[in-house]
Amino acid sequence: TGFENKIAELFADQLGLPLEYTWFPMATGFVRKTLKANRCDVIIGFAQGHELVLNTNHYYTSAYVIVTRKDSDLADVDTIGDPRLKGRVLGIIAGTPPATHMVRNGLMPEAKPYQLMVDRRYYSPNEEMLKDLQDGKIDAAFMWGPIAGSLVRDSKGALVMTPLLKETLPPRMFYRITMGVRQGEVVWKRKLNSLIRKNQAAIDSILTEYAVPLLDDMGTHPKELGQ
């Protein structure tokens, strides 16, 4: 959605290094064919705890959200267990954490799945899902908050999103987001950690500009900016 590029520009400027991008679909082989192939030196936006990379400290925490039309009777739903979702047509990116909760709550029979692994240069399942929502083809959409944020903002008030903070069973709905570097590159990791620490306010400002839902480190409440 662009905010990773803004953060990359900020860091490149402070490091005094040229900024170059390597593009590859977020699919099987992503890390192996980019970071491990030395086609890039850092992946901006990587979930904490992933064993394929060496994670920096996290620079934001966010969660999956439910998106509805503003005038919908579902606009105040804040949990996948809400009984009002029964019998509704719900959009879901296949294989993402909300899908497991939907199965648990018996919401899959009417669900409309959208592809997870795609080449986003040519197709955006999240944009298609929200278009279907606005067109009335689905009643609500479950999405990763940082992707939903700017799309909901661009709807000019037609859509609203609510972070899913009340799910108590696994899988969790919030994630701490880091930068990923190659295993063993500890010095590079520490340099990025230093930049994250020194520029946290600027990073928060960029994320807020793109309407990313920011949470506290435990993923339980909205983040108070300045923390």
Foldseek 3Di string as FASTA:
>chain_A
DPLLVVVQVVVCVVVVHDDDDDDDWPDPCPCVVDQVVPVDFKAFWDFPPDPQFDWFAFLFKAFKKKKFFPPDPCQPDQALLPPVLPPFEEEEAPPDWVVVVCVVNVNPVRYDYDHDTDDVVVDDRVLVRVVCRLVVVGGMYIGGQLVVFQVQVVVVRRMDIHGRQPDDDDDDGMTGITMGGHPPPVVVSVVVNVVSVVCSLVSVVSSVVSRRQTPPPVSRGGDDRPD
